[in-house]
C-alpha cells in the first residue's frame, strides 16, 4: 500500500456537488492498494498514519506530536492513481494498482483500522471509485509519501544450509 499524507488545516470530499466528508485540522490520507497487498500492509499503514509525528509541541520542539496528540481529524480517500506508471508514453498505466472488489475490501479494512486505532468520529472517508473533488488547505505545506509493501520473494528468509559435521 502507498499513501500520501498531507498535514491540513481543513479538507473535504465532494461527490456530484454534494459534500460527503470534511475535517478540520489533521491529516488528509490519499491511499492506494497494490497487487499483493494484504491486511498486514493495511495494518502497518494505518498505524503509521496515526503515529507519524507531524506537529510541533507547545515548547517549540519540532515534529513531536501525532494527529491523536493534537486531537486532530483524519480524512481517508482512496486514490489508485498513486500507483500509476508513466515510464512509457504519455498515458498513465494503472496495472500497478489492485482492481475492483479486492481493492475495495482492503481499502475499507485500512479505513476501519484507522478508525479503530483512534476514534470513529475523528476519521472520515471519501467514496471508493467515485469521481471526487478533494479540497484542502495544506498546513506548512507538509506532504509525505508513506509505503507499506509486501516482502519480495528474495527478501523472505531463505533456509540456512549447513554442512554436515565431518
N, C-alpha and C. Protein backbone atom coordinates (compact mmCIF):
# COMPACT_ATOMS: atom_id res chain seq x y z
N UNK A 1 0.85 -1.18 0.00
CA UNK A 1 0.00 0.00 0.00
C UNK A 1 0.89 1.23 0.00
N UNK A 2 0.35 2.25 -0.57
CA UNK A 2 1.06 3.51 -0.67
C UNK A 2 0.09 4.63 -0.28
N UNK A 3 0.62 5.65 0.39
CA UNK A 3 -0.24 6.77 0.76
C UNK A 3 0.54 8.07 0.69
N UNK A 4 -0.17 9.12 0.40
CA UNK A 4 0.34 10.48 0.52
C UNK A 4 -0.39 11.08 1.71
N UNK A 5 0.39 11.55 2.68
CA UNK A 5 -0.18 12.19 3.86
C UNK A 5 0.06 13.69 3.76
N UNK A 6 -0.99 14.44 3.95
CA UNK A 6 -0.87 15.90 3.92
C UNK A 6 -1.40 16.45 5.24
N UNK A 7 -0.54 17.21 5.91
CA UNK A 7 -0.96 17.89 7.13
C UNK A 7 -1.84 19.05 6.67
N UNK A 8 -3.07 19.10 7.19
CA UNK A 8 -4.02 20.09 6.71
C UNK A 8 -4.64 20.89 7.84
N UNK A 9 -5.07 22.10 7.49
CA UNK A 9 -5.90 22.90 8.39
C UNK A 9 -7.36 22.53 8.20
N UNK A 10 -7.69 22.07 6.97
CA UNK A 10 -9.03 21.58 6.65
C UNK A 10 -8.96 20.79 5.35
N UNK A 11 -9.92 19.89 5.16
CA UNK A 11 -10.02 19.12 3.93
C UNK A 11 -11.45 18.62 3.78
N UNK A 12 -11.85 18.39 2.53
CA UNK A 12 -13.21 17.90 2.29
C UNK A 12 -13.27 17.10 1.00
N UNK A 13 -14.32 16.28 0.91
CA UNK A 13 -14.59 15.49 -0.30
C UNK A 13 -16.01 15.78 -0.74
N UNK A 14 -16.16 16.08 -2.01
CA UNK A 14 -17.46 16.33 -2.61
C UNK A 14 -17.65 15.36 -3.77
N UNK A 15 -18.85 14.78 -3.88
CA UNK A 15 -19.20 13.89 -4.99
C UNK A 15 -20.53 14.39 -5.55
N UNK A 16 -20.58 14.59 -6.86
CA UNK A 16 -21.79 15.08 -7.53
C UNK A 16 -22.34 16.33 -6.84
N UNK A 17 -21.48 17.25 -6.56
CA UNK A 17 -21.80 18.53 -5.93
C UNK A 17 -22.40 18.41 -4.54
N UNK A 18 -22.21 17.24 -3.89
CA UNK A 18 -22.70 17.04 -2.54
C UNK A 18 -21.52 16.76 -1.61
N UNK A 19 -21.43 17.52 -0.52
CA UNK A 19 -20.36 17.33 0.46
C UNK A 19 -20.54 15.97 1.12
N UNK A 20 -19.49 15.14 1.03
CA UNK A 20 -19.53 13.79 1.60
C UNK A 20 -18.87 13.78 2.98
N UNK A 21 -17.69 14.40 3.09
CA UNK A 21 -16.94 14.41 4.34
C UNK A 21 -16.13 15.68 4.42
N UNK A 22 -15.88 16.12 5.65
CA UNK A 22 -14.97 17.24 5.85
C UNK A 22 -14.32 17.11 7.22
N UNK A 23 -13.10 17.65 7.32
CA UNK A 23 -12.38 17.65 8.59
C UNK A 23 -11.77 19.04 8.80
N UNK A 24 -11.41 19.29 10.04
CA UNK A 24 -10.63 20.47 10.37
C UNK A 24 -9.16 20.07 10.40
N UNK A 25 -8.43 20.57 11.37
CA UNK A 25 -7.00 20.32 11.49
C UNK A 25 -6.74 18.81 11.61
N UNK A 26 -5.78 18.33 10.81
CA UNK A 26 -5.46 16.91 10.86
C UNK A 26 -4.67 16.45 9.66
N UNK A 27 -5.01 15.24 9.18
CA UNK A 27 -4.28 14.62 8.07
C UNK A 27 -5.25 14.19 6.98
N UNK A 28 -4.92 14.56 5.74
CA UNK A 28 -5.59 14.01 4.57
C UNK A 28 -4.73 12.85 4.10
N UNK A 29 -5.34 11.67 3.96
CA UNK A 29 -4.63 10.46 3.53
C UNK A 29 -5.17 10.04 2.18
N UNK A 30 -4.31 10.11 1.15
CA UNK A 30 -4.65 9.58 -0.17
C UNK A 30 -4.01 8.21 -0.24
N UNK A 31 -4.82 7.14 -0.27
CA UNK A 31 -4.30 5.78 -0.13
C UNK A 31 -4.60 4.92 -1.35
N UNK A 32 -3.60 4.10 -1.72
CA UNK A 32 -3.74 3.20 -2.88
C UNK A 32 -3.34 1.79 -2.47
N UNK A 33 -4.04 0.82 -3.06
CA UNK A 33 -3.81 -0.59 -2.78
C UNK A 33 -3.16 -1.22 -4.01
N UNK A 34 -2.04 -1.93 -3.79
CA UNK A 34 -1.31 -2.56 -4.88
C UNK A 34 -1.55 -4.07 -4.87
N UNK A 35 -1.40 -4.71 -6.04
CA UNK A 35 -1.49 -6.17 -6.07
C UNK A 35 -0.48 -6.78 -5.09
N UNK A 36 -0.92 -7.78 -4.36
CA UNK A 36 -0.05 -8.41 -3.37
C UNK A 36 -0.19 -7.83 -1.98
N UNK A 37 -0.82 -6.67 -1.85
CA UNK A 37 -1.05 -6.10 -0.53
C UNK A 37 -2.03 -6.98 0.25
N UNK A 38 -1.83 -7.01 1.56
CA UNK A 38 -2.67 -7.81 2.45
C UNK A 38 -3.08 -6.95 3.64
N UNK A 39 -3.81 -7.56 4.55
CA UNK A 39 -4.19 -6.85 5.78
C UNK A 39 -2.96 -6.44 6.57
N UNK A 40 -1.87 -7.18 6.44
CA UNK A 40 -0.63 -6.83 7.15
C UNK A 40 -0.13 -5.45 6.71
N UNK A 41 -0.13 -5.18 5.42
CA UNK A 41 0.30 -3.87 4.92
C UNK A 41 -0.70 -2.79 5.33
N UNK A 42 -2.00 -3.12 5.29
CA UNK A 42 -3.02 -2.15 5.71
C UNK A 42 -2.86 -1.79 7.19
N UNK A 43 -2.58 -2.79 8.02
CA UNK A 43 -2.36 -2.54 9.45
C UNK A 43 -1.15 -1.63 9.66
N UNK A 44 -0.06 -1.92 8.95
CA UNK A 44 1.16 -1.12 9.09
C UNK A 44 0.93 0.32 8.65
N UNK A 45 0.23 0.50 7.54
CA UNK A 45 -0.04 1.85 7.04
C UNK A 45 -0.97 2.61 7.99
N UNK A 46 -1.99 1.94 8.49
CA UNK A 46 -2.92 2.59 9.42
C UNK A 46 -2.18 3.06 10.68
N UNK A 47 -1.30 2.21 11.19
CA UNK A 47 -0.52 2.58 12.38
C UNK A 47 0.38 3.77 12.08
N UNK A 48 0.99 3.78 10.92
CA UNK A 48 1.89 4.88 10.54
C UNK A 48 1.11 6.19 10.44
N UNK A 49 -0.07 6.16 9.85
CA UNK A 49 -0.90 7.36 9.74
C UNK A 49 -1.15 7.97 11.12
N UNK A 50 -1.45 7.12 12.08
CA UNK A 50 -1.80 7.62 13.42
C UNK A 50 -0.59 7.98 14.27
N UNK A 51 0.55 7.37 14.01
CA UNK A 51 1.72 7.59 14.87
C UNK A 51 2.72 8.61 14.33
N UNK A 52 2.64 8.92 13.05
CA UNK A 52 3.61 9.83 12.45
C UNK A 52 3.51 11.21 13.09
N UNK A 53 4.63 11.70 13.56
CA UNK A 53 4.67 12.99 14.27
C UNK A 53 4.88 14.12 13.27
N UNK A 54 3.82 14.87 13.04
CA UNK A 54 3.84 15.94 12.03
C UNK A 54 3.70 17.34 12.61
N UNK A 55 3.49 17.44 13.93
CA UNK A 55 3.26 18.75 14.54
C UNK A 55 4.30 19.03 15.62
N UNK A 56 4.54 20.32 15.85
CA UNK A 56 5.45 20.76 16.90
C UNK A 56 4.73 20.67 18.25
N UNK A 57 5.51 20.58 19.33
CA UNK A 57 4.90 20.59 20.65
C UNK A 57 4.77 22.03 21.15
N UNK A 58 4.23 22.19 22.34
CA UNK A 58 3.95 23.52 22.89
C UNK A 58 5.20 24.31 23.25
N UNK A 59 6.34 23.62 23.37
CA UNK A 59 7.58 24.30 23.72
C UNK A 59 8.43 24.60 22.49
N UNK A 60 7.88 24.33 21.31
CA UNK A 60 8.62 24.60 20.08
C UNK A 60 9.43 23.42 19.57
N UNK A 61 9.32 22.28 20.26
CA UNK A 61 10.00 21.07 19.79
C UNK A 61 9.43 20.64 18.45
N UNK A 62 10.30 20.45 17.47
CA UNK A 62 9.86 20.16 16.10
C UNK A 62 9.48 18.69 15.93
N UNK A 63 8.39 18.43 15.20
CA UNK A 63 7.96 17.09 14.80
C UNK A 63 7.78 16.18 16.03
N UNK A 64 7.03 16.65 17.01
CA UNK A 64 6.88 15.94 18.28
C UNK A 64 5.50 15.30 18.49
N UNK A 65 4.46 15.80 17.80
CA UNK A 65 3.10 15.33 18.08
C UNK A 65 2.46 14.68 16.86
N UNK A 66 1.67 13.62 17.14
CA UNK A 66 0.92 12.97 16.06
C UNK A 66 -0.52 13.50 16.06
N UNK A 67 -1.32 13.00 15.15
CA UNK A 67 -2.69 13.51 14.98
C UNK A 67 -3.52 13.30 16.25
N UNK A 68 -3.28 12.21 16.96
CA UNK A 68 -4.02 11.96 18.19
C UNK A 68 -3.61 12.94 19.29
N UNK A 69 -2.32 13.26 19.34
CA UNK A 69 -1.81 14.20 20.35
C UNK A 69 -2.45 15.58 20.22
N UNK A 70 -2.76 15.98 18.99
CA UNK A 70 -3.34 17.32 18.78
C UNK A 70 -4.86 17.28 18.72
N UNK A 71 -5.43 16.06 18.94
CA UNK A 71 -6.88 15.88 18.85
C UNK A 71 -7.40 16.26 17.46
N UNK A 72 -6.60 15.93 16.43
CA UNK A 72 -6.95 16.27 15.06
C UNK A 72 -7.87 15.22 14.43
N UNK A 73 -8.13 15.41 13.16
CA UNK A 73 -9.01 14.51 12.42
C UNK A 73 -8.25 13.90 11.24
N UNK A 74 -8.81 12.83 10.69
CA UNK A 74 -8.21 12.14 9.56
C UNK A 74 -9.27 11.98 8.47
N UNK A 75 -8.91 12.33 7.24
CA UNK A 75 -9.78 12.10 6.09
C UNK A 75 -9.07 11.15 5.15
N UNK A 76 -9.61 9.95 4.98
CA UNK A 76 -9.04 8.93 4.10
C UNK A 76 -9.75 8.97 2.75
N UNK A 77 -8.97 8.96 1.68
CA UNK A 77 -9.51 8.99 0.32
C UNK A 77 -8.79 7.94 -0.51
N UNK A 78 -9.55 7.04 -1.12
CA UNK A 78 -8.93 6.03 -1.99
C UNK A 78 -8.43 6.72 -3.26
N UNK A 79 -7.21 6.36 -3.68
CA UNK A 79 -6.62 7.03 -4.84
C UNK A 79 -5.69 6.09 -5.59
N UNK A 80 -6.27 5.25 -6.46
CA UNK A 80 -5.48 4.27 -7.19
C UNK A 80 -4.44 4.90 -8.10
N UNK A 81 -4.63 6.15 -8.48
CA UNK A 81 -3.69 6.79 -9.42
C UNK A 81 -2.30 6.99 -8.82
N UNK A 82 -2.16 6.84 -7.50
CA UNK A 82 -0.83 6.93 -6.87
C UNK A 82 0.10 5.84 -7.38
N UNK A 83 -0.48 4.76 -7.87
CA UNK A 83 0.31 3.61 -8.32
C UNK A 83 0.48 3.57 -9.83
N UNK A 84 0.20 4.67 -10.49
CA UNK A 84 0.34 4.72 -11.95
C UNK A 84 1.81 4.68 -12.36
N UNK A 85 2.05 4.07 -13.50
CA UNK A 85 3.37 4.11 -14.10
C UNK A 85 3.30 5.07 -15.29
N UNK A 86 4.30 5.93 -15.39
CA UNK A 86 4.36 6.88 -16.51
C UNK A 86 5.66 6.70 -17.27
N UNK A 87 6.25 5.52 -17.17
CA UNK A 87 7.55 5.26 -17.80
C UNK A 87 7.50 5.23 -19.31
N UNK A 88 6.40 4.69 -19.86
CA UNK A 88 6.31 4.58 -21.32
C UNK A 88 5.16 5.45 -21.83
N UNK A 89 5.44 6.22 -22.84
CA UNK A 89 4.40 7.02 -23.48
C UNK A 89 3.89 8.14 -22.61
N UNK A 90 2.73 8.65 -23.00
CA UNK A 90 2.14 9.80 -22.32
C UNK A 90 0.85 9.45 -21.59
N UNK A 91 0.47 8.18 -21.63
CA UNK A 91 -0.75 7.76 -20.96
C UNK A 91 -0.37 6.94 -19.72
N UNK A 92 -0.90 7.30 -18.55
CA UNK A 92 -0.57 6.53 -17.34
C UNK A 92 -1.05 5.09 -17.47
N UNK A 93 -0.26 4.19 -16.88
CA UNK A 93 -0.60 2.76 -16.85
C UNK A 93 -0.94 2.42 -15.40
N UNK A 94 -2.10 1.85 -15.18
CA UNK A 94 -2.58 1.60 -13.82
C UNK A 94 -2.50 0.13 -13.41
N UNK A 95 -1.68 -0.66 -14.09
CA UNK A 95 -1.54 -2.08 -13.75
C UNK A 95 -0.89 -2.27 -12.37
N UNK A 96 -0.28 -1.23 -11.83
CA UNK A 96 0.34 -1.30 -10.51
C UNK A 96 -0.66 -1.14 -9.38
N UNK A 97 -1.93 -0.94 -9.71
CA UNK A 97 -2.96 -0.78 -8.69
C UNK A 97 -3.86 -2.02 -8.68
N UNK A 98 -4.24 -2.45 -7.49
CA UNK A 98 -5.17 -3.56 -7.36
C UNK A 98 -6.54 -3.08 -7.83
N UNK A 99 -7.29 -3.94 -8.48
CA UNK A 99 -8.58 -3.52 -9.02
C UNK A 99 -9.78 -4.05 -8.26
N UNK A 100 -10.91 -3.45 -8.57
CA UNK A 100 -12.23 -3.93 -8.20
C UNK A 100 -12.52 -4.19 -6.74
N UNK A 101 -13.28 -5.29 -6.54
CA UNK A 101 -13.79 -5.61 -5.21
C UNK A 101 -12.68 -5.93 -4.22
N UNK A 102 -11.60 -6.54 -4.70
CA UNK A 102 -10.48 -6.87 -3.81
C UNK A 102 -9.85 -5.58 -3.25
N UNK A 103 -9.67 -4.59 -4.12
CA UNK A 103 -9.11 -3.31 -3.68
C UNK A 103 -10.08 -2.61 -2.73
N UNK A 104 -11.36 -2.64 -3.05
CA UNK A 104 -12.37 -2.01 -2.18
C UNK A 104 -12.33 -2.63 -0.79
N UNK A 105 -12.29 -3.93 -0.74
CA UNK A 105 -12.29 -4.65 0.54
C UNK A 105 -11.07 -4.29 1.38
N UNK A 106 -9.88 -4.28 0.77
CA UNK A 106 -8.67 -3.98 1.52
C UNK A 106 -8.61 -2.50 1.92
N UNK A 107 -9.06 -1.61 1.03
CA UNK A 107 -9.11 -0.19 1.39
C UNK A 107 -10.05 0.02 2.58
N UNK A 108 -11.22 -0.61 2.55
CA UNK A 108 -12.18 -0.45 3.64
C UNK A 108 -11.62 -1.04 4.94
N UNK A 109 -10.86 -2.11 4.84
CA UNK A 109 -10.20 -2.67 6.00
C UNK A 109 -9.21 -1.64 6.58
N UNK A 110 -8.41 -1.03 5.70
CA UNK A 110 -7.47 0.01 6.12
C UNK A 110 -8.21 1.15 6.83
N UNK A 111 -9.28 1.63 6.24
CA UNK A 111 -10.07 2.72 6.81
C UNK A 111 -10.59 2.35 8.21
N UNK A 112 -11.12 1.13 8.35
CA UNK A 112 -11.61 0.67 9.66
C UNK A 112 -10.48 0.61 10.68
N UNK A 113 -9.30 0.17 10.24
CA UNK A 113 -8.15 0.07 11.15
C UNK A 113 -7.73 1.46 11.64
N UNK A 114 -7.80 2.48 10.79
CA UNK A 114 -7.50 3.84 11.22
C UNK A 114 -8.55 4.27 12.25
N UNK A 115 -9.81 4.00 11.97
CA UNK A 115 -10.88 4.35 12.92
C UNK A 115 -10.68 3.64 14.26
N UNK A 116 -10.41 2.33 14.21
CA UNK A 116 -10.25 1.55 15.44
C UNK A 116 -9.04 1.99 16.24
N UNK A 117 -8.00 2.47 15.53
CA UNK A 117 -6.79 2.91 16.22
C UNK A 117 -6.92 4.28 16.84
N UNK A 118 -7.99 4.99 16.51
CA UNK A 118 -8.15 6.36 17.00
C UNK A 118 -9.56 6.50 17.57
N UNK A 119 -10.48 7.08 16.79
CA UNK A 119 -11.86 7.28 17.22
C UNK A 119 -12.72 7.39 15.97
N UNK A 120 -13.81 6.65 15.95
CA UNK A 120 -14.67 6.60 14.77
C UNK A 120 -15.10 7.99 14.32
N UNK A 121 -15.45 8.86 15.25
CA UNK A 121 -15.94 10.19 14.89
C UNK A 121 -14.84 11.14 14.41
N UNK A 122 -13.57 10.75 14.58
CA UNK A 122 -12.45 11.60 14.14
C UNK A 122 -11.90 11.19 12.78
N UNK A 123 -12.38 10.08 12.24
CA UNK A 123 -11.86 9.55 10.97
C UNK A 123 -12.98 9.50 9.95
N UNK A 124 -12.79 10.22 8.85
CA UNK A 124 -13.82 10.31 7.80
C UNK A 124 -13.31 9.64 6.52
N UNK A 125 -14.20 9.49 5.54
CA UNK A 125 -13.88 8.75 4.33
C UNK A 125 -14.44 9.45 3.10
N UNK A 126 -13.84 9.17 1.96
CA UNK A 126 -14.38 9.59 0.68
C UNK A 126 -15.34 8.52 0.19
N UNK A 127 -15.49 8.39 -1.13
CA UNK A 127 -16.35 7.37 -1.72
C UNK A 127 -15.52 6.55 -2.69
N UNK A 128 -15.33 5.28 -2.39
CA UNK A 128 -14.49 4.42 -3.22
C UNK A 128 -15.00 4.38 -4.65
N UNK A 129 -14.12 4.54 -5.60
CA UNK A 129 -14.36 4.51 -7.06
C UNK A 129 -15.27 5.63 -7.57
N UNK A 130 -15.52 6.63 -6.76
CA UNK A 130 -16.33 7.76 -7.23
C UNK A 130 -15.41 8.83 -7.80
N UNK A 131 -15.95 9.66 -8.65
CA UNK A 131 -15.23 10.83 -9.13
C UNK A 131 -15.41 11.89 -8.04
N UNK A 132 -14.34 12.12 -7.29
CA UNK A 132 -14.40 13.01 -6.13
C UNK A 132 -13.67 14.32 -6.39
N UNK A 133 -14.14 15.37 -5.77
CA UNK A 133 -13.41 16.63 -5.72
C UNK A 133 -12.89 16.73 -4.29
N UNK A 134 -11.57 16.78 -4.17
CA UNK A 134 -10.94 16.85 -2.86
C UNK A 134 -10.36 18.24 -2.69
N UNK A 135 -10.79 18.92 -1.65
CA UNK A 135 -10.29 20.27 -1.36
C UNK A 135 -9.50 20.20 -0.06
N UNK A 136 -8.42 21.01 0.01
CA UNK A 136 -7.64 21.01 1.22
C UNK A 136 -6.89 22.33 1.37
N UNK A 137 -6.60 22.64 2.61
CA UNK A 137 -5.70 23.73 2.93
C UNK A 137 -4.51 23.05 3.60
N UNK A 138 -3.41 22.90 2.83
CA UNK A 138 -2.22 22.23 3.31
C UNK A 138 -1.55 23.12 4.34
N UNK A 139 -1.14 22.54 5.45
CA UNK A 139 -0.54 23.26 6.56
C UNK A 139 0.97 23.08 6.51
N UNK A 140 1.68 24.10 6.14
CA UNK A 140 3.16 24.03 6.12
C UNK A 140 3.77 24.58 4.85
N UNK A 141 3.65 23.96 3.74
CA UNK A 141 2.98 22.70 3.46
C UNK A 141 3.80 21.50 3.94
N UNK A 142 3.09 20.49 4.42
CA UNK A 142 3.72 19.23 4.81
C UNK A 142 3.02 18.13 4.01
N UNK A 143 3.77 17.45 3.16
CA UNK A 143 3.26 16.36 2.34
C UNK A 143 4.30 15.25 2.32
N UNK A 144 3.91 14.05 2.74
CA UNK A 144 4.83 12.92 2.82
C UNK A 144 4.29 11.70 2.11
N UNK A 145 5.18 10.93 1.51
CA UNK A 145 4.81 9.65 0.91
C UNK A 145 5.18 8.55 1.90
N UNK A 146 4.24 7.63 2.12
CA UNK A 146 4.45 6.52 3.05
C UNK A 146 4.04 5.24 2.34
N UNK A 147 4.84 4.19 2.49
CA UNK A 147 4.54 2.90 1.87
C UNK A 147 4.62 1.78 2.87
N UNK A 148 3.82 0.77 2.64
CA UNK A 148 3.90 -0.50 3.37
C UNK A 148 3.80 -1.57 2.30
N UNK A 149 4.90 -2.21 1.98
CA UNK A 149 4.96 -3.15 0.87
C UNK A 149 5.06 -4.58 1.35
N UNK A 150 4.44 -5.52 0.60
CA UNK A 150 4.63 -6.93 0.94
C UNK A 150 6.08 -7.31 0.68
N UNK A 151 6.61 -8.26 1.44
CA UNK A 151 8.01 -8.64 1.20
C UNK A 151 8.18 -9.27 -0.17
N UNK A 152 9.30 -8.96 -0.81
CA UNK A 152 9.60 -9.57 -2.10
C UNK A 152 10.12 -10.97 -1.84
N UNK A 153 9.96 -11.85 -2.82
CA UNK A 153 10.39 -13.23 -2.65
C UNK A 153 11.85 -13.32 -2.22
N UNK A 154 12.73 -12.52 -2.83
CA UNK A 154 14.14 -12.60 -2.49
C UNK A 154 14.42 -12.08 -1.10
N UNK A 155 13.50 -11.24 -0.54
CA UNK A 155 13.70 -10.69 0.80
C UNK A 155 13.23 -11.65 1.89
N UNK A 156 12.40 -12.63 1.51
CA UNK A 156 11.92 -13.57 2.50
C UNK A 156 13.07 -14.44 2.96
N UNK A 157 12.99 -14.87 4.19
CA UNK A 157 14.07 -15.65 4.79
C UNK A 157 14.28 -16.95 4.03
N UNK A 158 15.49 -17.19 3.61
CA UNK A 158 15.82 -18.43 2.92
C UNK A 158 16.32 -19.42 3.96
N UNK A 159 16.04 -20.72 3.74
CA UNK A 159 16.54 -21.70 4.70
C UNK A 159 18.06 -21.70 4.73
N UNK A 160 18.60 -21.85 5.93
CA UNK A 160 20.05 -21.86 6.09
C UNK A 160 20.58 -23.26 5.77
N UNK A 161 21.55 -23.32 4.90
CA UNK A 161 22.13 -24.59 4.52
C UNK A 161 23.45 -24.74 5.28
N UNK A 162 23.54 -25.83 5.99
CA UNK A 162 24.77 -26.07 6.76
C UNK A 162 25.44 -27.34 6.28
N UNK A 163 26.72 -27.37 6.42
CA UNK A 163 27.50 -28.56 6.05
C UNK A 163 27.33 -29.61 7.13
N UNK A 164 27.21 -30.87 6.74
CA UNK A 164 27.15 -31.90 7.77
C UNK A 164 28.49 -31.99 8.51
N UNK A 165 28.46 -32.37 9.79
CA UNK A 165 29.72 -32.45 10.54
C UNK A 165 30.62 -33.53 9.95
N UNK A 166 31.95 -33.30 10.03
CA UNK A 166 32.92 -34.25 9.46
C UNK A 166 33.42 -35.20 10.50
